N, C-alpha and C. Protein backbone atom coordinates (compact mmCIF):
# COMPACT_ATOMS: atom_id res chain seq x y z
N MET A 1 -39.12 53.01 154.05
CA MET A 1 -38.84 53.50 152.74
C MET A 1 -38.98 54.65 152.24
N ASN A 2 -39.41 55.65 153.24
CA ASN A 2 -40.15 56.61 152.45
C ASN A 2 -39.18 57.98 152.84
N THR A 3 -38.11 57.64 152.88
CA THR A 3 -36.57 57.95 153.23
C THR A 3 -35.79 59.30 151.78
N LYS A 4 -35.97 60.38 151.71
CA LYS A 4 -35.73 61.35 150.96
C LYS A 4 -34.10 60.89 150.45
N PHE A 5 -34.30 60.65 149.19
CA PHE A 5 -32.39 60.21 148.78
C PHE A 5 -32.24 60.95 147.56
N GLU A 6 -30.93 61.50 147.83
CA GLU A 6 -30.37 62.27 146.87
C GLU A 6 -29.52 61.44 146.08
N LEU A 7 -29.60 61.18 144.36
CA LEU A 7 -28.53 60.28 143.49
C LEU A 7 -27.31 61.23 143.61
N PRO A 8 -26.21 60.87 143.46
CA PRO A 8 -24.86 61.75 143.68
C PRO A 8 -24.89 62.22 142.19
N ASN A 9 -24.35 63.54 142.00
CA ASN A 9 -24.27 64.27 140.67
C ASN A 9 -23.05 64.13 140.32
N THR A 10 -22.75 62.96 139.43
CA THR A 10 -20.95 62.67 139.38
C THR A 10 -20.84 63.17 137.37
N ALA A 11 -20.15 64.11 137.35
CA ALA A 11 -20.62 65.12 136.05
C ALA A 11 -19.01 64.36 135.58
N GLY A 12 -18.56 64.07 134.25
CA GLY A 12 -17.96 63.62 133.63
C GLY A 12 -18.06 64.68 132.07
N PRO A 13 -17.24 64.26 131.06
CA PRO A 13 -16.78 65.48 130.16
C PRO A 13 -17.39 65.08 129.21
N ASP A 14 -17.90 63.67 128.73
CA ASP A 14 -18.10 62.68 127.80
C ASP A 14 -19.72 62.55 127.47
N VAL A 15 -20.17 62.38 128.24
CA VAL A 15 -22.31 62.31 128.14
C VAL A 15 -22.73 63.68 128.35
N GLN A 16 -23.71 63.99 127.69
CA GLN A 16 -24.36 64.77 128.05
C GLN A 16 -25.61 64.88 128.70
N THR A 17 -26.38 65.01 129.74
CA THR A 17 -27.85 64.91 129.80
C THR A 17 -28.79 65.47 129.24
N LYS A 18 -30.32 65.29 129.62
CA LYS A 18 -31.39 65.70 128.61
C LYS A 18 -30.93 67.43 129.04
N ALA A 19 -30.46 67.96 130.17
CA ALA A 19 -30.35 69.39 130.37
C ALA A 19 -29.47 69.87 130.00
N GLY A 20 -28.24 69.42 128.91
CA GLY A 20 -27.36 69.42 128.46
C GLY A 20 -25.92 69.59 129.52
N ASN A 21 -26.00 68.90 130.80
CA ASN A 21 -25.26 68.72 131.46
C ASN A 21 -24.46 67.66 131.30
N PRO A 22 -23.16 67.84 131.52
CA PRO A 22 -22.32 66.42 131.74
C PRO A 22 -22.76 65.47 132.52
N ALA A 23 -22.80 63.99 132.47
CA ALA A 23 -23.03 63.00 133.15
C ALA A 23 -22.51 61.92 133.36
N GLU A 24 -21.61 61.58 134.34
CA GLU A 24 -20.75 60.54 133.97
C GLU A 24 -21.17 59.00 133.79
N ASN A 25 -22.41 58.80 134.54
CA ASN A 25 -23.03 57.63 134.61
C ASN A 25 -24.79 58.08 134.05
N ALA A 26 -24.57 58.04 132.97
CA ALA A 26 -26.11 58.03 132.20
C ALA A 26 -27.27 57.22 132.54
N ILE A 27 -26.34 56.23 132.22
CA ILE A 27 -27.43 54.76 132.43
C ILE A 27 -27.54 54.29 133.77
N VAL A 28 -28.60 54.07 134.32
CA VAL A 28 -28.54 53.36 135.72
C VAL A 28 -29.47 51.91 135.23
N TYR A 29 -29.42 50.87 135.88
CA TYR A 29 -29.79 49.37 136.26
C TYR A 29 -31.00 49.54 137.22
N VAL A 30 -32.51 49.15 136.65
CA VAL A 30 -33.28 48.94 137.58
C VAL A 30 -33.47 47.14 137.87
N ARG A 31 -33.34 46.82 138.73
CA ARG A 31 -33.68 45.65 139.26
C ARG A 31 -34.62 45.40 140.34
N PRO A 32 -35.28 44.31 140.36
CA PRO A 32 -36.37 43.46 141.20
C PRO A 32 -35.37 42.80 142.63
N VAL A 33 -35.52 43.03 143.57
CA VAL A 33 -34.62 42.32 144.65
C VAL A 33 -35.66 42.05 145.38
N ALA A 34 -35.63 40.78 146.07
CA ALA A 34 -36.58 39.87 146.99
C ALA A 34 -36.25 40.66 148.19
N VAL A 35 -37.23 41.06 149.16
CA VAL A 35 -36.94 41.61 150.37
C VAL A 35 -36.20 40.43 151.16
N ALA A 36 -36.44 39.62 150.96
CA ALA A 36 -35.94 38.27 152.13
C ALA A 36 -34.26 38.30 152.22
N ASP A 37 -33.60 38.97 150.84
CA ASP A 37 -32.47 39.19 150.89
C ASP A 37 -31.36 40.08 151.29
N LEU A 38 -32.43 40.90 151.78
CA LEU A 38 -31.74 42.29 152.44
C LEU A 38 -31.44 42.02 153.90
N PRO A 39 -30.71 42.67 154.22
CA PRO A 39 -30.15 42.95 155.70
C PRO A 39 -31.70 42.87 156.46
N GLU A 40 -31.63 42.45 157.62
CA GLU A 40 -32.75 42.40 158.60
C GLU A 40 -33.28 43.89 158.90
N THR A 41 -32.51 44.76 158.93
CA THR A 41 -32.73 46.63 159.00
C THR A 41 -33.47 46.48 158.03
N LEU A 42 -33.10 46.30 156.99
CA LEU A 42 -34.02 46.88 155.24
C LEU A 42 -35.26 46.03 155.10
N GLN A 43 -35.18 44.79 155.61
CA GLN A 43 -36.53 44.32 156.02
C GLN A 43 -37.65 44.75 156.55
N ARG A 44 -37.52 45.34 158.19
CA ARG A 44 -38.45 45.90 158.55
C ARG A 44 -38.81 47.02 157.92
N GLN A 45 -37.93 48.00 157.20
CA GLN A 45 -38.12 48.97 156.29
C GLN A 45 -39.24 48.77 155.58
N ALA A 46 -39.06 47.66 154.74
CA ALA A 46 -39.85 47.21 153.30
C ALA A 46 -41.54 47.32 153.76
N GLU A 47 -41.79 46.94 154.84
CA GLU A 47 -43.37 47.21 155.18
C GLU A 47 -44.16 45.95 154.58
N GLY A 48 -43.91 44.91 154.96
CA GLY A 48 -44.60 43.86 154.23
C GLY A 48 -44.18 43.52 152.66
N LEU A 49 -43.34 44.00 152.45
CA LEU A 49 -43.32 43.97 150.60
C LEU A 49 -42.14 42.50 150.22
N ALA A 50 -42.73 42.00 149.58
CA ALA A 50 -42.35 41.19 148.72
C ALA A 50 -40.64 41.03 148.26
N THR A 51 -41.05 42.21 147.41
CA THR A 51 -40.23 42.80 146.09
C THR A 51 -39.87 44.54 146.30
N ILE A 52 -38.92 44.93 146.39
CA ILE A 52 -38.41 46.18 146.00
C ILE A 52 -37.88 46.34 144.77
N TYR A 53 -37.35 47.40 144.66
CA TYR A 53 -36.51 47.56 143.35
C TYR A 53 -35.40 48.77 143.79
N SER A 54 -34.54 47.94 142.94
CA SER A 54 -33.05 48.69 143.08
C SER A 54 -32.44 49.41 141.75
N VAL A 55 -31.77 50.61 142.07
CA VAL A 55 -31.24 51.60 141.12
C VAL A 55 -29.94 51.50 141.47
N HIS A 56 -29.08 50.73 140.45
CA HIS A 56 -27.52 50.74 140.39
C HIS A 56 -26.79 51.27 139.03
N ARG A 57 -25.86 52.01 139.51
CA ARG A 57 -24.88 52.29 138.53
C ARG A 57 -24.49 51.00 137.72
N PRO A 58 -23.64 51.42 136.49
CA PRO A 58 -23.29 50.34 135.66
C PRO A 58 -22.11 49.41 136.30
N ASP A 59 -21.48 50.28 137.46
CA ASP A 59 -20.49 49.28 138.23
C ASP A 59 -20.80 48.57 139.02
N GLY A 60 -21.92 48.69 139.36
CA GLY A 60 -22.78 48.02 140.26
C GLY A 60 -22.85 48.68 141.55
N GLU A 61 -22.63 49.72 141.83
CA GLU A 61 -22.91 50.25 142.87
C GLU A 61 -24.83 50.60 143.42
N ARG A 62 -24.94 50.16 144.46
CA ARG A 62 -26.63 50.53 144.53
C ARG A 62 -26.58 52.05 144.99
N LEU A 63 -27.44 52.73 144.43
CA LEU A 63 -27.52 53.96 144.62
C LEU A 63 -29.10 54.14 145.62
N ALA A 64 -30.23 53.49 145.26
CA ALA A 64 -31.28 53.41 145.97
C ALA A 64 -31.97 52.10 145.68
N LEU A 65 -32.66 52.15 146.77
CA LEU A 65 -33.72 51.15 147.12
C LEU A 65 -35.22 51.72 147.20
N VAL A 66 -36.26 51.42 146.50
CA VAL A 66 -37.76 51.75 146.26
C VAL A 66 -38.84 50.72 145.83
N VAL A 67 -39.86 51.10 146.70
CA VAL A 67 -41.50 50.40 146.72
C VAL A 67 -41.24 49.81 145.28
N ASP A 68 -41.53 49.97 144.51
CA ASP A 68 -41.60 49.62 143.02
C ASP A 68 -41.09 50.45 141.81
N ARG A 69 -41.06 49.69 140.71
CA ARG A 69 -40.14 49.90 139.25
C ARG A 69 -40.87 51.37 138.71
N ASN A 70 -41.80 51.80 138.87
CA ASN A 70 -42.25 53.52 138.30
C ASN A 70 -41.09 54.50 139.34
N LEU A 71 -41.13 54.22 140.41
CA LEU A 71 -40.84 54.85 141.00
C LEU A 71 -39.23 54.56 141.00
N ALA A 72 -38.60 53.54 140.59
CA ALA A 72 -37.45 53.46 140.29
C ALA A 72 -37.16 54.43 138.84
N PHE A 73 -37.77 54.51 137.83
CA PHE A 73 -37.56 55.02 136.52
C PHE A 73 -37.60 56.47 136.74
N ALA A 74 -38.60 56.77 137.87
CA ALA A 74 -38.78 58.18 137.99
C ALA A 74 -37.47 58.73 138.75
N LEU A 75 -37.26 58.18 139.92
CA LEU A 75 -35.92 58.92 140.64
C LEU A 75 -35.13 58.92 139.51
N ALA A 76 -34.73 57.97 138.85
CA ALA A 76 -33.46 57.89 137.78
C ALA A 76 -33.62 59.03 136.57
N ARG A 77 -34.91 59.10 136.26
CA ARG A 77 -35.03 60.36 135.11
C ARG A 77 -34.94 61.87 135.61
N GLU A 78 -35.37 61.60 137.00
CA GLU A 78 -35.16 63.09 137.98
C GLU A 78 -34.13 63.69 138.17
N HIS A 79 -33.22 62.77 138.23
CA HIS A 79 -31.49 63.19 138.21
C HIS A 79 -31.24 63.01 136.97
N ASP A 80 -31.80 62.86 135.79
CA ASP A 80 -30.76 63.02 134.50
C ASP A 80 -30.05 61.65 133.88
N MET A 81 -30.64 60.79 134.90
CA MET A 81 -30.07 59.70 134.31
C MET A 81 -31.15 58.54 133.18
N ALA A 82 -30.60 57.79 132.44
CA ALA A 82 -31.59 56.91 131.57
C ALA A 82 -31.30 55.69 132.58
N PRO A 83 -32.69 55.14 132.70
CA PRO A 83 -32.76 53.79 133.62
C PRO A 83 -32.89 52.62 132.39
N VAL A 84 -32.99 51.45 133.01
CA VAL A 84 -33.02 50.32 131.90
C VAL A 84 -33.07 49.33 132.87
N TYR A 85 -34.02 48.96 132.54
CA TYR A 85 -34.74 47.37 133.62
C TYR A 85 -34.10 45.97 133.08
N VAL A 86 -33.42 45.63 134.09
CA VAL A 86 -32.95 44.19 133.87
C VAL A 86 -33.60 43.42 135.12
N HIS A 87 -33.56 42.11 134.70
CA HIS A 87 -33.98 41.04 135.87
C HIS A 87 -33.27 39.48 135.56
């Protein structure tokens, strides 16, 4: 779970990020994911955790899996996206 991951920078004309750059999907959703529900290869990478957090686009595409909620929010904000927690 320590793999460096770059979120895609998908630009669009209608939404501006905090830096003033356009961003198609400024909102991303953060939700808990049970490690037991993931494929076995990802379960092994989760290093004994019961829950990790997923960052999704509004269309449902998963962008990242991270070890905790705070990291998910930090990752989204680092890429000029606005995280929203869903459960």
